N, C-alpha and C. Protein backbone atom coordinates (compact mmCIF):
# COMPACT_ATOMS: atom_id res chain seq x y z
N MET A 1 49.70 18.62 -7.93
CA MET A 1 50.80 19.52 -8.28
C MET A 1 51.95 18.72 -8.89
N LEU A 2 52.66 19.31 -9.82
CA LEU A 2 53.79 18.68 -10.45
C LEU A 2 54.90 18.42 -9.44
N LYS A 3 55.34 17.17 -9.32
CA LYS A 3 56.42 16.83 -8.40
C LYS A 3 57.74 17.07 -9.10
N LEU A 4 58.59 17.90 -8.49
CA LEU A 4 59.84 18.31 -9.11
C LEU A 4 61.02 17.73 -8.37
N THR A 5 62.00 17.25 -9.09
CA THR A 5 63.23 16.73 -8.53
C THR A 5 64.38 17.45 -9.19
N LEU A 6 65.60 17.21 -8.69
CA LEU A 6 66.76 17.83 -9.30
C LEU A 6 66.91 17.39 -10.74
N THR A 7 66.50 16.15 -11.02
CA THR A 7 66.56 15.66 -12.40
C THR A 7 65.62 16.45 -13.29
N SER A 8 64.39 16.69 -12.79
CA SER A 8 63.45 17.45 -13.61
C SER A 8 63.87 18.90 -13.75
N LEU A 9 64.66 19.40 -12.78
CA LEU A 9 65.17 20.77 -12.91
C LEU A 9 66.11 20.91 -14.09
N ALA A 10 66.70 19.79 -14.51
CA ALA A 10 67.58 19.83 -15.68
C ALA A 10 66.82 20.26 -16.91
N LEU A 11 65.48 20.19 -16.83
CA LEU A 11 64.65 20.61 -17.96
C LEU A 11 64.38 22.11 -17.94
N LEU A 12 64.95 22.80 -16.97
CA LEU A 12 64.75 24.25 -16.86
C LEU A 12 65.06 24.95 -18.18
N PHE A 13 66.20 24.57 -18.76
CA PHE A 13 66.56 25.14 -20.04
C PHE A 13 66.50 24.03 -21.08
N LEU A 14 65.34 23.82 -21.66
CA LEU A 14 65.14 22.74 -22.61
C LEU A 14 65.88 23.01 -23.91
N LEU A 15 66.21 21.92 -24.62
CA LEU A 15 66.82 22.08 -25.93
C LEU A 15 65.87 22.82 -26.85
N GLN A 16 66.39 23.80 -27.54
CA GLN A 16 65.56 24.64 -28.38
C GLN A 16 65.66 24.19 -29.84
N SER A 17 64.70 24.65 -30.65
CA SER A 17 64.80 24.43 -32.07
C SER A 17 65.93 25.28 -32.64
N GLN A 18 66.30 25.01 -33.87
CA GLN A 18 67.45 25.67 -34.48
C GLN A 18 67.30 27.18 -34.42
N PRO A 19 68.23 27.89 -33.75
CA PRO A 19 68.11 29.34 -33.63
C PRO A 19 68.39 30.07 -34.94
N SER A 20 67.89 31.29 -35.03
CA SER A 20 68.08 32.11 -36.22
C SER A 20 68.52 33.51 -35.82
N ARG A 21 69.33 34.11 -36.66
CA ARG A 21 69.75 35.49 -36.44
C ARG A 21 68.57 36.40 -36.73
N LEU A 22 68.35 37.38 -35.86
CA LEU A 22 67.26 38.32 -36.07
C LEU A 22 67.65 39.38 -37.10
N ASP A 23 66.66 39.91 -37.76
CA ASP A 23 66.85 41.00 -38.70
C ASP A 23 67.09 42.28 -37.91
N THR A 24 68.29 42.84 -38.00
CA THR A 24 68.64 44.02 -37.21
C THR A 24 68.79 45.28 -38.06
N ARG A 25 68.18 45.27 -39.24
CA ARG A 25 68.24 46.49 -40.06
C ARG A 25 67.49 47.63 -39.38
N GLN A 26 66.61 47.26 -38.46
CA GLN A 26 65.97 48.24 -37.58
C GLN A 26 65.83 47.59 -36.21
N ALA A 27 65.49 48.39 -35.22
CA ALA A 27 65.37 47.86 -33.86
C ALA A 27 64.35 46.72 -33.83
N VAL A 28 64.66 45.69 -33.04
CA VAL A 28 63.79 44.52 -32.92
C VAL A 28 62.65 44.84 -31.97
N ALA A 29 61.43 44.69 -32.44
CA ALA A 29 60.26 45.00 -31.62
C ALA A 29 59.98 43.86 -30.64
N TYR A 30 59.68 44.23 -29.40
CA TYR A 30 59.35 43.23 -28.39
C TYR A 30 58.05 43.61 -27.69
N PHE A 31 57.43 42.62 -27.08
CA PHE A 31 56.20 42.83 -26.32
C PHE A 31 56.25 41.93 -25.09
N ILE A 32 55.96 42.47 -23.93
CA ILE A 32 55.97 41.70 -22.69
C ILE A 32 54.53 41.57 -22.22
N GLU A 33 54.02 40.35 -22.20
CA GLU A 33 52.63 40.13 -21.81
C GLU A 33 52.43 40.39 -20.31
N ASP A 34 51.21 40.75 -19.94
CA ASP A 34 50.85 40.92 -18.54
C ASP A 34 50.75 39.54 -17.90
N GLY A 35 51.43 39.35 -16.80
CA GLY A 35 51.42 38.05 -16.14
C GLY A 35 50.39 37.94 -15.03
N LYS A 36 49.47 38.87 -14.96
CA LYS A 36 48.46 38.84 -13.89
C LYS A 36 47.74 37.50 -13.87
N GLY A 37 47.69 36.89 -12.70
CA GLY A 37 47.02 35.60 -12.56
C GLY A 37 47.94 34.40 -12.71
N VAL A 38 49.15 34.62 -13.20
CA VAL A 38 50.11 33.53 -13.35
C VAL A 38 50.77 33.27 -11.99
N PRO A 39 50.78 32.04 -11.50
CA PRO A 39 51.37 31.75 -10.18
C PRO A 39 52.81 32.24 -10.08
N GLY A 40 53.10 32.97 -9.00
CA GLY A 40 54.46 33.44 -8.76
C GLY A 40 54.81 34.74 -9.43
N TYR A 41 53.98 35.21 -10.36
CA TYR A 41 54.31 36.43 -11.09
C TYR A 41 54.20 37.66 -10.19
N ARG A 42 55.15 38.56 -10.36
CA ARG A 42 55.13 39.86 -9.67
C ARG A 42 55.18 40.96 -10.73
N ASP A 43 54.53 42.06 -10.47
CA ASP A 43 54.51 43.16 -11.44
C ASP A 43 55.93 43.60 -11.81
N SER A 44 56.85 43.47 -10.85
CA SER A 44 58.23 43.90 -11.09
C SER A 44 58.98 42.95 -12.02
N ASP A 45 58.39 41.78 -12.34
CA ASP A 45 59.07 40.84 -13.25
C ASP A 45 59.18 41.42 -14.65
N ARG A 46 58.26 42.29 -14.99
CA ARG A 46 58.35 42.93 -16.30
C ARG A 46 59.69 43.68 -16.45
N GLU A 47 60.08 44.33 -15.37
CA GLU A 47 61.34 45.07 -15.38
C GLU A 47 62.52 44.12 -15.57
N LEU A 48 62.44 42.90 -15.02
CA LEU A 48 63.52 41.93 -15.19
C LEU A 48 63.66 41.52 -16.66
N ALA A 49 62.54 41.40 -17.35
CA ALA A 49 62.58 41.10 -18.78
C ALA A 49 63.24 42.24 -19.55
N VAL A 50 62.91 43.47 -19.17
CA VAL A 50 63.53 44.64 -19.83
C VAL A 50 65.03 44.66 -19.54
N PHE A 51 65.42 44.35 -18.30
CA PHE A 51 66.84 44.27 -17.97
C PHE A 51 67.55 43.26 -18.87
N ALA A 52 66.89 42.13 -19.14
CA ALA A 52 67.48 41.10 -19.98
C ALA A 52 67.68 41.60 -21.41
N LEU A 53 66.68 42.28 -21.94
CA LEU A 53 66.81 42.87 -23.28
C LEU A 53 67.97 43.86 -23.32
N ASP A 54 68.05 44.71 -22.31
CA ASP A 54 69.12 45.70 -22.25
C ASP A 54 70.49 45.04 -22.16
N ALA A 55 70.56 43.92 -21.43
CA ALA A 55 71.84 43.22 -21.26
C ALA A 55 72.38 42.72 -22.60
N TRP A 56 71.52 42.07 -23.37
CA TRP A 56 71.97 41.55 -24.67
C TRP A 56 72.33 42.69 -25.63
N SER A 57 71.56 43.77 -25.60
CA SER A 57 71.87 44.92 -26.46
C SER A 57 73.20 45.53 -26.07
N ARG A 58 73.41 45.71 -24.79
CA ARG A 58 74.66 46.32 -24.30
C ARG A 58 75.87 45.46 -24.65
N GLU A 59 75.75 44.15 -24.43
CA GLU A 59 76.89 43.26 -24.70
C GLU A 59 77.15 43.09 -26.19
N SER A 60 76.17 43.40 -27.02
CA SER A 60 76.37 43.33 -28.48
C SER A 60 77.04 44.59 -29.00
N GLN A 61 77.34 45.51 -28.11
CA GLN A 61 77.89 46.82 -28.47
C GLN A 61 76.90 47.61 -29.32
N ALA A 62 75.62 47.43 -28.97
CA ALA A 62 74.50 48.14 -29.60
C ALA A 62 74.24 47.74 -31.05
N HIS A 63 74.85 46.65 -31.52
CA HIS A 63 74.50 46.14 -32.85
C HIS A 63 73.11 45.53 -32.82
N LEU A 64 72.70 45.09 -31.65
CA LEU A 64 71.37 44.52 -31.46
C LEU A 64 70.57 45.50 -30.59
N LYS A 65 69.50 46.04 -31.15
CA LYS A 65 68.70 47.02 -30.44
C LYS A 65 67.25 46.57 -30.37
N PHE A 66 66.58 46.94 -29.29
CA PHE A 66 65.19 46.55 -29.08
C PHE A 66 64.31 47.78 -28.88
N THR A 67 63.07 47.66 -29.31
CA THR A 67 62.09 48.72 -29.09
C THR A 67 60.76 48.08 -28.75
N GLU A 68 60.01 48.70 -27.84
CA GLU A 68 58.75 48.10 -27.41
C GLU A 68 57.66 48.29 -28.46
N ALA A 69 56.98 47.21 -28.80
CA ALA A 69 55.86 47.26 -29.74
C ALA A 69 54.58 47.62 -29.01
N ARG A 70 53.65 48.22 -29.70
CA ARG A 70 52.38 48.60 -29.08
C ARG A 70 51.47 47.39 -28.90
N THR A 71 51.60 46.42 -29.80
CA THR A 71 50.76 45.23 -29.72
C THR A 71 51.61 43.97 -29.81
N ARG A 72 51.08 42.90 -29.30
CA ARG A 72 51.77 41.60 -29.32
C ARG A 72 52.06 41.16 -30.74
N ASP A 73 51.08 41.29 -31.62
CA ASP A 73 51.23 40.79 -32.99
C ASP A 73 52.29 41.53 -33.78
N ALA A 74 52.64 42.75 -33.36
CA ALA A 74 53.65 43.54 -34.07
C ALA A 74 55.06 43.22 -33.62
N ALA A 75 55.21 42.39 -32.59
CA ALA A 75 56.52 42.13 -31.99
C ALA A 75 57.17 40.86 -32.55
N LEU A 76 58.48 40.94 -32.75
CA LEU A 76 59.26 39.76 -33.13
C LEU A 76 59.60 38.92 -31.91
N ILE A 77 59.81 39.59 -30.77
CA ILE A 77 60.11 38.91 -29.51
C ILE A 77 58.93 39.12 -28.57
N ARG A 78 58.36 38.01 -28.07
CA ARG A 78 57.18 38.10 -27.22
C ARG A 78 57.43 37.34 -25.91
N PHE A 79 57.51 38.09 -24.81
CA PHE A 79 57.68 37.48 -23.50
C PHE A 79 56.32 37.00 -22.98
N ARG A 80 56.30 35.78 -22.49
CA ARG A 80 55.07 35.21 -21.94
C ARG A 80 55.38 34.54 -20.61
N TRP A 81 54.60 34.86 -19.58
CA TRP A 81 54.78 34.27 -18.25
C TRP A 81 53.90 33.04 -18.14
N ILE A 82 54.47 31.93 -17.69
CA ILE A 82 53.75 30.66 -17.70
C ILE A 82 53.67 30.05 -16.31
N SER A 83 52.73 29.15 -16.14
CA SER A 83 52.52 28.48 -14.86
C SER A 83 53.19 27.10 -14.86
N PRO A 84 53.46 26.53 -13.67
CA PRO A 84 54.04 25.19 -13.59
C PRO A 84 53.14 24.13 -14.22
N ALA A 85 51.83 24.40 -14.27
CA ALA A 85 50.89 23.45 -14.85
C ALA A 85 51.16 23.20 -16.33
N GLU A 86 51.87 24.13 -16.96
CA GLU A 86 52.19 23.97 -18.37
C GLU A 86 53.42 23.09 -18.58
N GLY A 87 54.05 22.70 -17.47
CA GLY A 87 55.17 21.78 -17.56
C GLY A 87 56.45 22.38 -18.06
N LEU A 88 56.57 23.70 -17.97
CA LEU A 88 57.74 24.39 -18.50
C LEU A 88 58.39 25.24 -17.42
N PHE A 89 59.68 25.42 -17.51
CA PHE A 89 60.41 26.37 -16.67
C PHE A 89 60.80 27.56 -17.55
N GLY A 90 61.52 27.28 -18.59
CA GLY A 90 61.87 28.28 -19.57
C GLY A 90 61.96 27.61 -20.92
N GLU A 91 61.35 28.19 -21.92
CA GLU A 91 61.42 27.61 -23.25
C GLU A 91 61.23 28.72 -24.28
N THR A 92 61.91 28.59 -25.39
CA THR A 92 61.77 29.55 -26.47
C THR A 92 61.17 28.86 -27.68
N GLN A 93 60.12 29.43 -28.21
CA GLN A 93 59.44 28.87 -29.38
C GLN A 93 59.70 29.77 -30.58
N ARG A 94 60.13 29.16 -31.68
CA ARG A 94 60.39 29.93 -32.89
C ARG A 94 59.07 30.31 -33.56
N ILE A 95 58.98 31.54 -34.05
CA ILE A 95 57.82 31.99 -34.82
C ILE A 95 58.30 32.80 -36.02
N SER A 96 57.39 33.05 -36.93
CA SER A 96 57.68 33.92 -38.07
C SER A 96 56.66 35.05 -38.04
N VAL A 97 57.16 36.26 -38.19
CA VAL A 97 56.30 37.45 -38.16
C VAL A 97 56.51 38.22 -39.46
N ASP A 98 55.52 38.18 -40.31
CA ASP A 98 55.63 38.84 -41.62
C ASP A 98 56.88 38.38 -42.37
N GLY A 99 57.17 37.09 -42.27
CA GLY A 99 58.31 36.52 -42.98
C GLY A 99 59.64 36.68 -42.28
N LYS A 100 59.65 37.32 -41.11
CA LYS A 100 60.89 37.53 -40.36
C LYS A 100 60.95 36.56 -39.18
N PRO A 101 62.15 36.06 -38.84
CA PRO A 101 62.25 35.16 -37.68
C PRO A 101 62.02 35.89 -36.38
N GLY A 102 61.27 35.27 -35.50
CA GLY A 102 61.00 35.83 -34.19
C GLY A 102 60.89 34.70 -33.17
N ALA A 103 60.44 35.03 -31.98
CA ALA A 103 60.36 34.00 -30.94
C ALA A 103 59.40 34.40 -29.82
N ILE A 104 58.80 33.38 -29.21
CA ILE A 104 58.05 33.56 -27.98
C ILE A 104 58.94 33.07 -26.85
N VAL A 105 59.23 33.95 -25.91
CA VAL A 105 60.09 33.63 -24.77
C VAL A 105 59.19 33.32 -23.57
N ASN A 106 59.14 32.06 -23.18
CA ASN A 106 58.31 31.63 -22.06
C ASN A 106 59.15 31.55 -20.79
N VAL A 107 58.67 32.18 -19.73
CA VAL A 107 59.39 32.19 -18.45
C VAL A 107 58.42 31.84 -17.33
N MET A 108 58.82 30.89 -16.47
CA MET A 108 57.99 30.47 -15.35
C MET A 108 58.50 31.15 -14.07
N PRO A 109 57.73 32.07 -13.49
CA PRO A 109 58.22 32.88 -12.37
C PRO A 109 58.04 32.27 -10.97
N LEU A 110 57.39 31.11 -10.88
CA LEU A 110 57.13 30.52 -9.56
C LEU A 110 58.36 29.72 -9.11
N VAL A 111 59.36 30.43 -8.62
CA VAL A 111 60.65 29.84 -8.25
C VAL A 111 60.51 28.86 -7.10
N SER A 112 59.48 29.02 -6.28
CA SER A 112 59.31 28.17 -5.09
C SER A 112 59.05 26.70 -5.41
N VAL A 113 58.77 26.36 -6.66
CA VAL A 113 58.54 24.95 -7.02
C VAL A 113 59.71 24.35 -7.79
N GLN A 114 60.82 25.04 -7.83
CA GLN A 114 61.92 24.59 -8.67
C GLN A 114 62.88 23.63 -7.99
N GLY A 115 62.45 22.97 -6.94
CA GLY A 115 63.28 21.94 -6.33
C GLY A 115 64.26 22.49 -5.32
N GLU A 116 64.61 21.65 -4.34
CA GLU A 116 65.57 22.05 -3.32
C GLU A 116 67.00 21.70 -3.74
N PRO A 117 67.98 22.48 -3.28
CA PRO A 117 67.88 23.56 -2.29
C PRO A 117 67.54 24.94 -2.88
N LEU A 118 67.40 25.02 -4.20
CA LEU A 118 67.16 26.32 -4.82
C LEU A 118 65.85 26.95 -4.37
N ALA A 119 64.77 26.17 -4.35
CA ALA A 119 63.46 26.73 -4.02
C ALA A 119 63.44 27.36 -2.63
N GLY A 120 63.97 26.65 -1.64
CA GLY A 120 63.97 27.18 -0.28
C GLY A 120 64.82 28.43 -0.16
N ALA A 121 65.99 28.40 -0.77
CA ALA A 121 66.89 29.55 -0.70
C ALA A 121 66.26 30.77 -1.37
N ALA A 122 65.59 30.56 -2.51
CA ALA A 122 64.98 31.67 -3.24
C ALA A 122 63.74 32.20 -2.51
N THR A 123 63.07 31.35 -1.76
CA THR A 123 61.91 31.79 -0.98
C THR A 123 62.35 32.70 0.16
N ARG A 124 63.52 32.40 0.73
CA ARG A 124 64.03 33.21 1.84
C ARG A 124 64.73 34.48 1.37
N ASP A 125 65.19 34.49 0.14
CA ASP A 125 66.01 35.59 -0.37
C ASP A 125 65.40 36.12 -1.66
N MET A 126 64.74 37.28 -1.58
CA MET A 126 64.06 37.82 -2.76
C MET A 126 65.02 38.17 -3.88
N LEU A 127 66.24 38.58 -3.56
CA LEU A 127 67.21 38.88 -4.61
C LEU A 127 67.62 37.61 -5.36
N LEU A 128 67.66 36.48 -4.66
CA LEU A 128 67.94 35.22 -5.35
C LEU A 128 66.75 34.84 -6.23
N ARG A 129 65.56 35.05 -5.73
CA ARG A 129 64.37 34.79 -6.54
C ARG A 129 64.40 35.62 -7.83
N ASP A 130 64.71 36.92 -7.69
CA ASP A 130 64.79 37.78 -8.87
C ASP A 130 65.94 37.37 -9.78
N THR A 131 67.02 36.88 -9.19
CA THR A 131 68.15 36.38 -9.99
C THR A 131 67.72 35.24 -10.88
N VAL A 132 66.97 34.29 -10.32
CA VAL A 132 66.52 33.13 -11.10
C VAL A 132 65.62 33.57 -12.25
N VAL A 133 64.67 34.45 -11.97
CA VAL A 133 63.76 34.92 -13.02
C VAL A 133 64.53 35.72 -14.07
N TYR A 134 65.40 36.61 -13.61
CA TYR A 134 66.18 37.42 -14.55
C TYR A 134 67.06 36.56 -15.45
N LEU A 135 67.83 35.64 -14.86
CA LEU A 135 68.73 34.82 -15.66
C LEU A 135 67.97 33.88 -16.60
N THR A 136 66.77 33.45 -16.18
CA THR A 136 65.94 32.66 -17.09
C THR A 136 65.52 33.50 -18.29
N CYS A 137 65.15 34.76 -18.04
CA CYS A 137 64.84 35.68 -19.14
C CYS A 137 66.04 35.85 -20.07
N VAL A 138 67.21 36.05 -19.48
CA VAL A 138 68.42 36.24 -20.28
C VAL A 138 68.72 35.01 -21.12
N HIS A 139 68.65 33.83 -20.48
CA HIS A 139 68.94 32.58 -21.18
C HIS A 139 67.98 32.36 -22.36
N GLU A 140 66.69 32.47 -22.08
CA GLU A 140 65.72 32.21 -23.14
C GLU A 140 65.77 33.27 -24.23
N LEU A 141 66.04 34.51 -23.86
CA LEU A 141 66.21 35.55 -24.86
C LEU A 141 67.44 35.25 -25.71
N GLY A 142 68.47 34.65 -25.11
CA GLY A 142 69.63 34.23 -25.87
C GLY A 142 69.26 33.31 -27.01
N HIS A 143 68.37 32.34 -26.71
CA HIS A 143 67.88 31.46 -27.79
C HIS A 143 67.12 32.27 -28.83
N ALA A 144 66.31 33.21 -28.37
CA ALA A 144 65.49 33.99 -29.28
C ALA A 144 66.32 34.79 -30.28
N ILE A 145 67.51 35.22 -29.86
CA ILE A 145 68.35 36.03 -30.76
C ILE A 145 69.38 35.19 -31.51
N GLY A 146 69.38 33.88 -31.28
CA GLY A 146 70.20 33.02 -32.13
C GLY A 146 71.30 32.22 -31.48
N LEU A 147 71.41 32.21 -30.16
CA LEU A 147 72.46 31.44 -29.49
C LEU A 147 71.93 30.06 -29.10
N SER A 148 72.82 29.08 -29.09
CA SER A 148 72.47 27.71 -28.73
C SER A 148 72.98 27.38 -27.34
N HIS A 149 72.56 26.22 -26.82
CA HIS A 149 73.07 25.76 -25.53
C HIS A 149 74.56 25.47 -25.59
N THR A 150 75.20 25.54 -24.42
CA THR A 150 76.61 25.16 -24.30
C THR A 150 76.76 24.19 -23.14
N SER A 151 77.95 23.61 -23.04
CA SER A 151 78.25 22.71 -21.92
C SER A 151 79.19 23.37 -20.92
N ARG A 152 79.40 24.68 -21.04
CA ARG A 152 80.29 25.42 -20.14
C ARG A 152 79.47 26.02 -18.99
N PHE A 153 79.76 25.59 -17.77
CA PHE A 153 78.99 25.98 -16.59
C PHE A 153 78.98 27.49 -16.37
N GLU A 154 80.01 28.18 -16.84
CA GLU A 154 80.08 29.63 -16.63
C GLU A 154 79.19 30.41 -17.60
N ASP A 155 78.68 29.77 -18.62
CA ASP A 155 77.90 30.47 -19.65
C ASP A 155 76.44 30.66 -19.24
N ILE A 156 75.85 31.77 -19.68
CA ILE A 156 74.42 31.94 -19.48
C ILE A 156 73.65 30.95 -20.35
N MET A 157 74.25 30.48 -21.42
CA MET A 157 73.60 29.54 -22.32
C MET A 157 73.87 28.08 -21.93
N TYR A 158 74.42 27.87 -20.75
CA TYR A 158 74.68 26.53 -20.24
C TYR A 158 73.37 25.74 -20.10
N TYR A 159 73.43 24.44 -20.44
CA TYR A 159 72.28 23.54 -20.32
C TYR A 159 72.45 22.66 -19.11
N PHE A 160 71.49 22.72 -18.17
CA PHE A 160 71.61 21.98 -16.92
C PHE A 160 71.62 20.47 -17.10
N GLY A 161 71.26 19.98 -18.27
CA GLY A 161 71.33 18.56 -18.52
C GLY A 161 72.75 18.01 -18.43
N PHE A 162 73.73 18.89 -18.49
CA PHE A 162 75.13 18.48 -18.36
C PHE A 162 75.54 18.32 -16.90
N GLY A 163 74.66 18.67 -15.97
CA GLY A 163 74.98 18.53 -14.56
C GLY A 163 75.44 19.83 -13.94
N GLY A 164 76.01 19.72 -12.74
CA GLY A 164 76.47 20.91 -12.04
C GLY A 164 75.49 21.32 -10.95
N ASN A 165 75.97 22.08 -9.98
CA ASN A 165 75.16 22.51 -8.85
C ASN A 165 74.31 23.71 -9.25
N ILE A 166 73.01 23.50 -9.29
CA ILE A 166 72.09 24.54 -9.77
C ILE A 166 72.08 25.75 -8.85
N LEU A 167 72.08 25.51 -7.55
CA LEU A 167 72.10 26.64 -6.61
C LEU A 167 73.37 27.45 -6.79
N ASP A 168 74.51 26.79 -6.93
CA ASP A 168 75.78 27.50 -7.15
C ASP A 168 75.72 28.34 -8.41
N TYR A 169 75.06 27.81 -9.43
CA TYR A 169 74.96 28.52 -10.71
C TYR A 169 74.30 29.88 -10.50
N PHE A 170 73.18 29.91 -9.78
CA PHE A 170 72.47 31.16 -9.57
C PHE A 170 73.12 32.03 -8.50
N MET A 171 73.72 31.41 -7.50
CA MET A 171 74.37 32.18 -6.44
C MET A 171 75.59 32.92 -6.96
N ARG A 172 76.22 32.41 -7.98
CA ARG A 172 77.37 33.09 -8.58
C ARG A 172 76.97 34.50 -9.00
N TYR A 173 75.77 34.63 -9.57
CA TYR A 173 75.28 35.94 -9.98
C TYR A 173 74.73 36.71 -8.78
N ARG A 174 73.96 36.02 -7.94
CA ARG A 174 73.34 36.66 -6.77
C ARG A 174 74.39 37.33 -5.88
N SER A 175 75.57 36.74 -5.78
CA SER A 175 76.61 37.27 -4.89
C SER A 175 77.13 38.63 -5.33
N LYS A 176 76.83 39.03 -6.55
CA LYS A 176 77.27 40.33 -7.05
C LYS A 176 76.31 41.45 -6.66
N LEU A 177 75.14 41.08 -6.18
CA LEU A 177 74.08 42.06 -5.94
C LEU A 177 73.99 42.50 -4.49
N ASN A 178 73.90 43.79 -4.29
CA ASN A 178 73.58 44.33 -2.97
C ASN A 178 72.11 44.72 -2.91
N SER A 179 71.54 45.05 -4.06
CA SER A 179 70.13 45.40 -4.15
C SER A 179 69.66 45.11 -5.57
N ARG A 180 68.36 45.17 -5.77
CA ARG A 180 67.78 44.90 -7.09
C ARG A 180 68.31 45.87 -8.15
N SER A 181 68.62 47.07 -7.73
CA SER A 181 69.11 48.08 -8.67
C SER A 181 70.47 47.73 -9.25
N ASP A 182 71.14 46.72 -8.69
CA ASP A 182 72.44 46.29 -9.22
C ASP A 182 72.29 45.39 -10.44
N ILE A 183 71.11 44.82 -10.67
CA ILE A 183 70.94 43.87 -11.77
C ILE A 183 71.35 44.45 -13.13
N PRO A 184 70.98 45.68 -13.46
CA PRO A 184 71.41 46.22 -14.76
C PRO A 184 72.93 46.38 -14.92
N LYS A 185 73.67 46.28 -13.82
CA LYS A 185 75.13 46.43 -13.89
C LYS A 185 75.82 45.14 -14.33
N PHE A 186 75.14 44.01 -14.19
CA PHE A 186 75.76 42.71 -14.47
C PHE A 186 74.87 41.91 -15.42
N SER A 187 75.33 41.72 -16.63
CA SER A 187 74.50 41.06 -17.64
C SER A 187 74.25 39.59 -17.33
N GLY A 188 75.23 38.93 -16.71
CA GLY A 188 75.14 37.50 -16.50
C GLY A 188 75.78 36.70 -17.62
N LEU A 189 76.23 37.37 -18.67
CA LEU A 189 76.88 36.69 -19.79
C LEU A 189 78.34 36.42 -19.47
N SER A 190 78.85 35.29 -19.94
CA SER A 190 80.27 34.97 -19.80
C SER A 190 81.04 35.58 -20.97
N VAL A 191 82.35 35.51 -20.89
CA VAL A 191 83.19 35.97 -22.00
C VAL A 191 82.84 35.21 -23.27
N SER A 192 82.62 33.91 -23.14
CA SER A 192 82.27 33.09 -24.30
C SER A 192 80.91 33.47 -24.88
N ASP A 193 79.93 33.72 -24.01
CA ASP A 193 78.62 34.17 -24.49
C ASP A 193 78.75 35.44 -25.32
N VAL A 194 79.54 36.38 -24.81
CA VAL A 194 79.71 37.65 -25.49
C VAL A 194 80.41 37.47 -26.84
N GLN A 195 81.40 36.59 -26.88
CA GLN A 195 82.10 36.34 -28.14
C GLN A 195 81.16 35.79 -29.20
N VAL A 196 80.32 34.84 -28.81
CA VAL A 196 79.36 34.26 -29.75
C VAL A 196 78.37 35.32 -30.20
N LEU A 197 77.86 36.11 -29.26
CA LEU A 197 76.92 37.16 -29.58
C LEU A 197 77.50 38.14 -30.60
N ARG A 198 78.73 38.58 -30.35
CA ARG A 198 79.34 39.59 -31.23
C ARG A 198 79.72 39.01 -32.59
N THR A 199 79.91 37.69 -32.64
CA THR A 199 80.13 37.04 -33.94
C THR A 199 78.86 37.04 -34.76
N ILE A 200 77.73 36.80 -34.10
CA ILE A 200 76.45 36.77 -34.79
C ILE A 200 76.01 38.17 -35.21
N TYR A 201 76.21 39.15 -34.32
CA TYR A 201 75.75 40.51 -34.56
C TYR A 201 76.95 41.47 -34.62
N LYS A 202 77.77 41.27 -35.62
CA LYS A 202 78.95 42.13 -35.75
C LYS A 202 78.73 43.30 -36.69
N ASN A 203 77.60 43.32 -37.37
CA ASN A 203 77.28 44.47 -38.23
C ASN A 203 75.78 44.53 -38.45
């Protein structure tokens, strides 16, 4: 099994390739793959990915809209659930679909291997576990729609390579939740994240 340390956790949000603005002349098609068989995956994780899509659309003031594609190949944004054996926590891969920029959003749902103290806390607290998966979806989707990493700890686009307490980072969001149904109420984006988003998608 992959041995994980706090240093390796800094790779949770890896540096991405140069982001691109999505074509928003029509709703952006997305597809969420079935994660059956992927370690740590839960059927309800699909809903967390949808929450992440809704969060970016809402914070863009609906300038960025998403619609579910019937097939993977028809989608510009493709969510894929990955195992720790692939050596990834969250990563976004740039793709081109019929000449349009798109992305594969990879999310690793097995929070129990993400190093202490986060792993233990998330194992004991399912809302913290869902927080980690949700915010990873939000972060990687941010790359998919054109945002880059930042060095501001309050940002969803923050890169852990700059340091900071990882458990505190996720607990900041977890503390807002009384139940899973509260997740759609809080995007997880900072004021700065929203400003960048609205600059990119202002029309």
